[in-house]
Amino acid sequence: MMSRLEATKYLVSRLNDEIVVASLGNAKYDLYSAGDRPLNFYMWNAMGMACSMGLGLAMAQPKRRVIILDGDGALLMTLGSLATEAARKPQNLIHICWDNGQYQLTGGQPTHTAVCADLAKIAEGSGFEHVDRVETQEAFQSAFDRSMKGPGPWFIHALVGPEPSPARPPKSP
């Protein structure tokens, strides 16, 4: 399994003027630790809403790439958002889902991805033309680099371990 934090650090090292929307929990904590910046938006108390926020920003800012950092538990709460993203087809959207198969922050209860759900197949079935399922740092880097160069929308389903996050950002979006 790859490290969510190391993948996030790689992502941050490649950023210029992109907007990054981080879902609540570990996605947000890792992004803050990897490199806080004015174009990071940290979701608080809005489980499952990073995809809607990211899609709205991508539509409002079509000349700026928007990256969503999501978790499997949060995305499972709003699966319909994948169909909406695919239907709207924002060329500037990259949706990354860190999948550790659990609701880690509330005690490690398994999500449906630990049992049967495959988020990459759900994204494909929703209409995403660009879907990558990655399990290693090298595969993530390759998929992310491709997504930064080509038109989207992109969905990257990243299988990660249940590592703890290093730091929490201040409680303000």
C-alpha atoms as a PDB file:
ATOM      1  CA  MET A   1       0.000   0.000   0.000  1.00  0.00           C
ATOM      2  CA  MET A   2       1.166   3.482  -0.683  1.00  0.00           C
ATOM      3  CA  SER A   3       1.375   6.306   1.812  1.00  0.00           C
ATOM      4  CA  ARG A   4      -1.364   8.923   1.561  1.00  0.00           C
ATOM      5  CA  LEU A   5       0.904  11.559   3.092  1.00  0.00           C
ATOM      6  CA  GLU A   6       3.793  10.834   0.707  1.00  0.00           C
ATOM      7  CA  ALA A   7       1.424  10.964  -2.267  1.00  0.00           C
ATOM      8  CA  THR A   8       0.026  14.265  -0.988  1.00  0.00           C
ATOM      9  CA  LYS A   9       3.541  15.666  -0.618  1.00  0.00           C
ATOM     10  CA  TYR A  10       4.244  14.705  -4.230  1.00  0.00           C
ATOM     11  CA  LEU A  11       1.029  16.371  -5.367  1.00  0.00           C
ATOM     12  CA  VAL A  12       1.826  19.587  -3.477  1.00  0.00           C
ATOM     13  CA  SER A  13       5.323  19.662  -4.991  1.00  0.00           C
ATOM     14  CA  ARG A  14       3.736  19.842  -8.454  1.00  0.00           C
ATOM     15  CA  LEU A  15       1.278  22.674  -7.730  1.00  0.00           C
ATOM     16  CA  ASN A  16       1.338  26.182  -9.149  1.00  0.00           C
ATOM     17  CA  ASP A  17      -1.986  28.036  -9.205  1.00  0.00           C
ATOM     18  CA  GLU A  18      -4.308  25.043  -8.796  1.00  0.00           C
ATOM     19  CA  ILE A  19      -7.100  25.068  -6.228  1.00  0.00           C
ATOM     20  CA  VAL A  20      -7.096  22.071  -3.885  1.00  0.00           C
ATOM     21  CA  VAL A  21     -10.256  21.140  -1.973  1.00  0.00           C
ATOM     22  CA  ALA A  22      -9.560  18.660   0.819  1.00  0.00           C
ATOM     23  CA  SER A  23     -12.304  16.579   2.361  1.00  0.00           C
ATOM     24  CA  LEU A  24     -12.615  16.477   6.120  1.00  0.00           C
ATOM     25  CA  GLY A  25     -10.303  14.196   8.051  1.00  0.00           C
ATOM     26  CA  ASN A  26      -7.038  12.778   6.844  1.00  0.00           C
ATOM     27  CA  ALA A  27      -7.138  14.298   3.359  1.00  0.00           C
ATOM     28  CA  LYS A  28      -7.282  17.732   4.962  1.00  0.00           C
ATOM     29  CA  TYR A  29      -4.678  16.993   7.642  1.00  0.00           C
ATOM     30  CA  ASP A  30      -2.210  15.599   5.101  1.00  0.00           C
ATOM     31  CA  LEU A  31      -2.672  18.550   2.746  1.00  0.00           C
ATOM     32  CA  TYR A  32      -2.022  21.010   5.551  1.00  0.00           C
ATOM     33  CA  SER A  33       1.075  19.110   6.640  1.00  0.00           C
ATOM     34  CA  ALA A  34       2.379  18.728   3.073  1.00  0.00           C
ATOM     35  CA  GLY A  35       2.137  22.438   2.380  1.00  0.00           C
ATOM     36  CA  ASP A  36      -0.397  25.010   3.493  1.00  0.00           C
ATOM     37  CA  ARG A  37      -1.105  27.626   0.844  1.00  0.00           C
ATOM     38  CA  PRO A  38      -3.823  30.195   0.106  1.00  0.00           C
ATOM     39  CA  LEU A  39      -5.345  28.036  -2.663  1.00  0.00           C
ATOM     40  CA  ASN A  40      -6.007  25.105  -0.298  1.00  0.00           C
ATOM     41  CA  PHE A  41      -9.584  24.828   0.950  1.00  0.00           C
ATOM     42  CA  TYR A  42     -10.012  22.621   4.006  1.00  0.00           C
ATOM     43  CA  MET A  43     -13.511  21.184   4.515  1.00  0.00           C
ATOM     44  CA  TRP A  44     -14.818  21.101   8.093  1.00  0.00           C
ATOM     45  CA  ASN A  45     -17.965  19.308   9.292  1.00  0.00           C
ATOM     46  CA  ALA A  46     -19.181  18.613   5.757  1.00  0.00           C
ATOM     47  CA  MET A  47     -18.584  14.912   5.131  1.00  0.00           C
ATOM     48  CA  GLY A  48     -19.079  14.056   1.482  1.00  0.00           C
ATOM     49  CA  MET A  49     -19.214  17.638   0.244  1.00  0.00           C
ATOM     50  CA  ALA A  50     -15.666  18.128  -1.091  1.00  0.00           C
ATOM     51  CA  CYS A  51     -16.755  16.794  -4.478  1.00  0.00           C
ATOM     52  CA  SER A  52     -19.624  19.297  -4.738  1.00  0.00           C
ATOM     53  CA  MET A  53     -17.394  22.169  -3.623  1.00  0.00           C
ATOM     54  CA  GLY A  54     -14.659  21.133  -6.056  1.00  0.00           C
ATOM     55  CA  LEU A  55     -17.077  20.769  -8.959  1.00  0.00           C
ATOM     56  CA  GLY A  56     -18.545  24.203  -8.264  1.00  0.00           C
ATOM     57  CA  LEU A  57     -15.094  25.767  -8.165  1.00  0.00           C
ATOM     58  CA  ALA A  58     -14.061  23.992 -11.382  1.00  0.00           C
ATOM     59  CA  MET A  59     -17.153  25.338 -13.138  1.00  0.00           C
ATOM     60  CA  ALA A  60     -16.647  28.856 -11.750  1.00  0.00           C
ATOM     61  CA  GLN A  61     -12.897  28.905 -12.511  1.00  0.00           C
ATOM     62  CA  PRO A  62     -12.598  27.056 -15.866  1.00  0.00           C
ATOM     63  CA  LYS A  63      -9.073  28.359 -16.544  1.00  0.00           C
ATOM     64  CA  ARG A  64      -7.719  27.051 -13.235  1.00  0.00           C
ATOM     65  CA  ARG A  65      -7.276  23.357 -12.449  1.00  0.00           C
ATOM     66  CA  VAL A  66      -9.188  22.154  -9.376  1.00  0.00           C
ATOM     67  CA  ILE A  67      -8.060  19.095  -7.420  1.00  0.00           C
ATOM     68  CA  ILE A  68     -10.345  17.314  -4.972  1.00  0.00           C
ATOM     69  CA  LEU A  69      -8.751  15.205  -2.238  1.00  0.00           C
ATOM     70  CA  ASP A  70     -11.435  12.883  -0.922  1.00  0.00           C
ATOM     71  CA  GLY A  71     -11.711   9.833   1.296  1.00  0.00           C
ATOM     72  CA  ASP A  72     -13.571   6.615   0.572  1.00  0.00           C
ATOM     73  CA  GLY A  73     -16.027   7.080   3.441  1.00  0.00           C
ATOM     74  CA  ALA A  74     -16.856  10.650   2.463  1.00  0.00           C
ATOM     75  CA  LEU A  75     -17.259   9.795  -1.216  1.00  0.00           C
ATOM     76  CA  LEU A  76     -19.509   6.835  -0.446  1.00  0.00           C
ATOM     77  CA  MET A  77     -21.887   9.293   1.261  1.00  0.00           C
ATOM     78  CA  THR A  78     -22.393  11.210  -1.997  1.00  0.00           C
ATOM     79  CA  LEU A  79     -21.851   8.771  -4.856  1.00  0.00           C
ATOM     80  CA  GLY A  80     -24.229  10.744  -7.042  1.00  0.00           C
ATOM     81  CA  SER A  81     -21.644  13.493  -7.155  1.00  0.00           C
ATOM     82  CA  LEU A  82     -19.473  11.316  -9.407  1.00  0.00           C
ATOM     83  CA  ALA A  83     -22.265  11.152 -11.982  1.00  0.00           C
ATOM     84  CA  THR A  84     -22.710  14.920 -11.759  1.00  0.00           C
ATOM     85  CA  GLU A  85     -18.977  15.513 -12.237  1.00  0.00           C
ATOM     86  CA  ALA A  86     -18.939  13.173 -15.245  1.00  0.00           C
ATOM     87  CA  ALA A  87     -22.063  14.746 -16.752  1.00  0.00           C
ATOM     88  CA  ARG A  88     -20.743  18.310 -16.381  1.00  0.00           C
ATOM     89  CA  LYS A  89     -17.336  17.254 -17.792  1.00  0.00           C
ATOM     90  CA  PRO A  90     -15.182  20.055 -16.377  1.00  0.00           C
ATOM     91  CA  GLN A  91     -11.910  19.852 -18.298  1.00  0.00           C
ATOM     92  CA  ASN A  92     -10.027  21.271 -15.297  1.00  0.00           C
ATOM     93  CA  LEU A  93     -11.142  18.794 -12.598  1.00  0.00           C
ATOM     94  CA  ILE A  94      -9.070  16.082 -10.919  1.00  0.00           C
ATOM     95  CA  HIS A  95     -10.848  14.022  -8.253  1.00  0.00           C
ATOM     96  CA  ILE A  96      -8.522  11.914  -6.106  1.00  0.00           C
ATOM     97  CA  CYS A  97      -9.992   9.464  -3.631  1.00  0.00           C
ATOM     98  CA  TRP A  98      -7.725   8.072  -0.902  1.00  0.00           C
ATOM     99  CA  ASP A  99      -9.189   4.643  -0.109  1.00  0.00           C
ATOM    100  CA  ASN A 100      -8.054   2.917   3.079  1.00  0.00           C
ATOM    101  CA  GLY A 101     -11.245   0.870   3.401  1.00  0.00           C
ATOM    102  CA  GLN A 102     -12.288   2.418   6.692  1.00  0.00           C
ATOM    103  CA  TYR A 103     -13.751   5.345   8.570  1.00  0.00           C
ATOM    104  CA  GLN A 104     -10.388   5.842  10.218  1.00  0.00           C
ATOM    105  CA  LEU A 105     -11.078   8.848  12.432  1.00  0.00           C
ATOM    106  CA  THR A 106     -14.135   7.336  14.104  1.00  0.00           C
ATOM    107  CA  GLY A 107     -12.543   4.050  15.080  1.00  0.00           C
ATOM    108  CA  GLY A 108     -11.601   2.209  11.900  1.00  0.00           C
ATOM    109  CA  GLN A 109     -15.022   0.825  11.012  1.00  0.00           C
ATOM    110  CA  PRO A 110     -14.862  -0.716   7.521  1.00  0.00           C
ATOM    111  CA  THR A 111     -16.361   1.161   4.581  1.00  0.00           C
ATOM    112  CA  HIS A 112     -18.035  -0.692   1.736  1.00  0.00           C
ATOM    113  CA  THR A 113     -14.796  -0.486  -0.245  1.00  0.00           C
ATOM    114  CA  ALA A 114     -13.332  -2.963   2.250  1.00  0.00           C
ATOM    115  CA  VAL A 115     -16.118  -5.378   1.387  1.00  0.00           C
ATOM    116  CA  CYS A 116     -17.406  -4.950  -2.149  1.00  0.00           C
ATOM    117  CA  ALA A 117     -17.536  -1.420  -3.618  1.00  0.00           C
ATOM    118  CA  ASP A 118     -14.978  -0.450  -6.258  1.00  0.00           C
ATOM    119  CA  LEU A 119     -14.844   3.331  -6.601  1.00  0.00           C
ATOM    120  CA  ALA A 120     -12.859   3.209  -9.860  1.00  0.00           C
ATOM    121  CA  LYS A 121     -15.580   1.082 -11.474  1.00  0.00           C
ATOM    122  CA  ILE A 122     -18.261   3.381 -10.049  1.00  0.00           C
ATOM    123  CA  ALA A 123     -16.472   6.394 -11.561  1.00  0.00           C
ATOM    124  CA  GLU A 124     -16.238   4.612 -14.920  1.00  0.00           C
ATOM    125  CA  GLY A 125     -19.904   3.644 -14.742  1.00  0.00           C
ATOM    126  CA  SER A 126     -20.768   7.244 -13.915  1.00  0.00           C
ATOM    127  CA  GLY A 127     -19.181   8.399 -17.156  1.00  0.00           C
ATOM    128  CA  PHE A 128     -15.613   9.396 -16.292  1.00  0.00           C
ATOM    129  CA  GLU A 129     -13.409   8.907 -19.351  1.00  0.00           C
ATOM    130  CA  HIS A 130     -10.166   9.113 -17.372  1.00  0.00           C
ATOM    131  CA  VAL A 131      -9.979   6.713 -14.429  1.00  0.00           C
ATOM    132  CA  ASP A 132      -6.852   5.348 -12.796  1.00  0.00           C
ATOM    133  CA  ARG A 133      -6.683   2.887  -9.912  1.00  0.00           C
ATOM    134  CA  VAL A 134      -3.278   3.074  -8.233  1.00  0.00           C
ATOM    135  CA  GLU A 135      -1.654   1.127  -5.421  1.00  0.00           C
ATOM    136  CA  THR A 136       1.942   2.379  -5.439  1.00  0.00           C
ATOM    137  CA  GLN A 137       3.635   5.756  -5.163  1.00  0.00           C
ATOM    138  CA  GLU A 138       5.062   5.365  -8.650  1.00  0.00           C
ATOM    139  CA  ALA A 139       1.652   4.592 -10.157  1.00  0.00           C
ATOM    140  CA  PHE A 140       0.129   7.561  -8.325  1.00  0.00           C
ATOM    141  CA  GLN A 141       2.825   9.928  -9.568  1.00  0.00           C
ATOM    142  CA  SER A 142       2.341   8.746 -13.138  1.00  0.00           C
ATOM    143  CA  ALA A 143      -1.473   9.077 -12.962  1.00  0.00           C
ATOM    144  CA  PHE A 144      -1.284  12.487 -11.296  1.00  0.00           C
ATOM    145  CA  ASP A 145       1.228  13.810 -13.818  1.00  0.00           C
ATOM    146  CA  ARG A 146      -1.014  12.670 -16.704  1.00  0.00           C
ATOM    147  CA  SER A 147      -4.027  14.322 -15.105  1.00  0.00           C
ATOM    148  CA  MET A 148      -2.160  17.619 -14.748  1.00  0.00           C
ATOM    149  CA  LYS A 149      -1.340  17.667 -18.470  1.00  0.00           C
ATOM    150  CA  GLY A 150      -4.532  16.498 -20.135  1.00  0.00           C
ATOM    151  CA  PRO A 151      -8.129  17.638 -20.128  1.00  0.00           C
ATOM    152  CA  GLY A 152     -10.429  16.090 -17.548  1.00  0.00           C
ATOM    153  CA  PRO A 153     -12.336  15.286 -15.629  1.00  0.00           C
ATOM    154  CA  TRP A 154     -10.023  12.721 -14.033  1.00  0.00           C
ATOM    155  CA  PHE A 155     -10.728  10.264 -11.228  1.00  0.00           C
ATOM    156  CA  ILE A 156      -7.776   8.701  -9.414  1.00  0.00           C
ATOM    157  CA  HIS A 157      -8.685   5.902  -7.020  1.00  0.00           C
ATOM    158  CA  ALA A 158      -5.667   5.585  -4.732  1.00  0.00           C
ATOM    159  CA  LEU A 159      -5.444   2.585  -2.417  1.00  0.00           C
ATOM    160  CA  VAL A 160      -3.605   3.691   0.721  1.00  0.00           C
ATOM    161  CA  GLY A 161      -2.786   2.317   4.142  1.00  0.00           C
ATOM    162  CA  PRO A 162      -4.470   3.427   7.377  1.00  0.00           C
ATOM    163  CA  GLU A 163      -1.608   5.657   8.515  1.00  0.00           C
ATOM    164  CA  PRO A 164      -2.348   8.424  11.011  1.00  0.00           C
ATOM    165  CA  SER A 165      -2.100  12.030   9.884  1.00  0.00           C
ATOM    166  CA  PRO A 166       0.703  14.233  11.186  1.00  0.00           C
ATOM    167  CA  ALA A 167      -1.040  17.547  11.870  1.00  0.00           C
ATOM    168  CA  ARG A 168      -4.397  19.276  11.934  1.00  0.00           C
ATOM    169  CA  PRO A 169      -4.891  22.667  10.299  1.00  0.00           C
ATOM    170  CA  PRO A 170      -6.428  25.547  12.240  1.00  0.00           C
ATOM    171  CA  LYS A 171     -10.214  25.218  12.284  1.00  0.00           C
ATOM    172  CA  SER A 172     -10.975  27.723   9.580  1.00  0.00           C
ATOM    173  CA  PRO A 173     -11.556  27.034   5.879  1.00  0.00           C
END
